[in-house]
Amino acid sequence: MPTKAPVIHSDPEMLSGTPVFIGTRVPVQSLFDYLEGGDTLNEFLRQFPSVRREQAIAALELAGESVLTSARPA
């Protein structure tokens, strides 16, 4: 099974360590804020052109995996 390339980065010297999409200064939280506000993934990508579609989808997949993993009984 191939290892997925990382899509999120946190550096204390960039935006005080806020997790951002690799190669950008766009906080990952922005993606979730847009979706929570009713905007589409396409609208988010239009507003933040430095984020690639693959990065955004990978971040959503990571979030989904995290939720599903934490919801499973030990």
Protein backbone atom coordinates (compact mmCIF):
# COMPACT_ATOMS: atom_id res chain seq x y z
CA MET A 1 0.00 0.00 0.00
CA PRO A 2 1.59 3.33 -1.04
CA THR A 3 2.14 5.99 1.58
CA LYS A 4 0.26 9.23 0.99
CA ALA A 5 2.36 12.37 0.71
CA PRO A 6 1.76 14.78 3.58
CA VAL A 7 -0.58 17.65 2.75
CA ILE A 8 -0.58 19.54 6.06
CA HIS A 9 2.31 21.25 7.76
CA SER A 10 2.71 23.10 11.04
CA ASP A 11 5.69 25.33 11.75
CA PRO A 12 5.92 27.56 14.83
CA GLU A 13 7.59 30.20 12.63
CA MET A 14 4.64 30.31 10.21
CA LEU A 15 1.28 31.63 11.41
CA SER A 16 2.24 30.68 14.99
CA GLY A 17 2.15 26.97 14.18
CA THR A 18 -1.32 26.95 12.63
CA PRO A 19 -1.66 23.87 10.40
CA VAL A 20 -1.49 24.96 6.75
CA PHE A 21 -1.55 23.23 3.40
CA ILE A 22 2.02 22.36 2.40
CA GLY A 23 3.52 24.92 0.05
CA THR A 24 0.99 27.58 1.07
CA ARG A 25 0.12 29.85 3.95
CA VAL A 26 -3.54 28.78 3.80
CA PRO A 27 -4.78 27.40 7.13
CA VAL A 28 -6.47 24.02 6.84
CA GLN A 29 -9.19 25.41 9.12
CA SER A 30 -10.20 27.70 6.25
CA LEU A 31 -11.34 24.67 4.25
CA PHE A 32 -13.55 23.48 7.09
CA ASP A 33 -14.88 26.99 7.68
CA TYR A 34 -15.88 27.32 4.03
CA LEU A 35 -17.62 23.95 3.98
CA GLU A 36 -19.34 24.60 7.31
CA GLY A 37 -20.57 27.92 5.95
CA GLY A 38 -22.24 26.15 3.03
CA ASP A 39 -19.66 26.91 0.37
CA THR A 40 -18.50 24.23 -2.03
CA LEU A 41 -15.05 22.78 -2.41
CA ASN A 42 -14.85 24.55 -5.76
CA GLU A 43 -15.57 27.91 -4.11
CA PHE A 44 -12.83 27.29 -1.54
CA LEU A 45 -10.37 26.41 -4.30
CA ARG A 46 -11.37 29.51 -6.26
CA GLN A 47 -10.70 31.70 -3.22
CA PHE A 48 -7.41 29.94 -2.40
CA PRO A 49 -5.78 29.07 -5.75
CA SER A 50 -2.50 28.04 -4.10
CA VAL A 51 -4.27 24.98 -2.64
CA ARG A 52 -4.53 22.11 -5.10
CA ARG A 53 -7.74 20.08 -5.30
CA GLU A 54 -5.75 16.95 -4.38
CA GLN A 55 -4.52 18.63 -1.20
CA ALA A 56 -8.01 19.66 -0.13
CA ILE A 57 -9.45 16.20 -0.80
CA ALA A 58 -6.57 14.55 1.06
CA ALA A 59 -7.17 16.83 4.07
CA LEU A 60 -10.86 15.90 4.06
CA GLU A 61 -9.95 12.22 3.85
CA LEU A 62 -7.56 12.59 6.79
CA ALA A 63 -10.27 14.27 8.84
CA GLY A 64 -12.73 11.53 7.96
CA GLU A 65 -10.26 8.79 8.87
CA SER A 66 -9.57 10.52 12.18
CA VAL A 67 -13.26 10.71 13.04
CA LEU A 68 -13.90 7.10 12.09
CA THR A 69 -10.84 5.87 14.01
CA SER A 70 -11.79 7.75 17.16
CA ALA A 71 -15.38 6.48 16.94
CA ARG A 72 -14.35 2.80 16.90
CA PRO A 73 -14.39 0.95 20.20
CA ALA A 74 -10.95 0.08 21.57
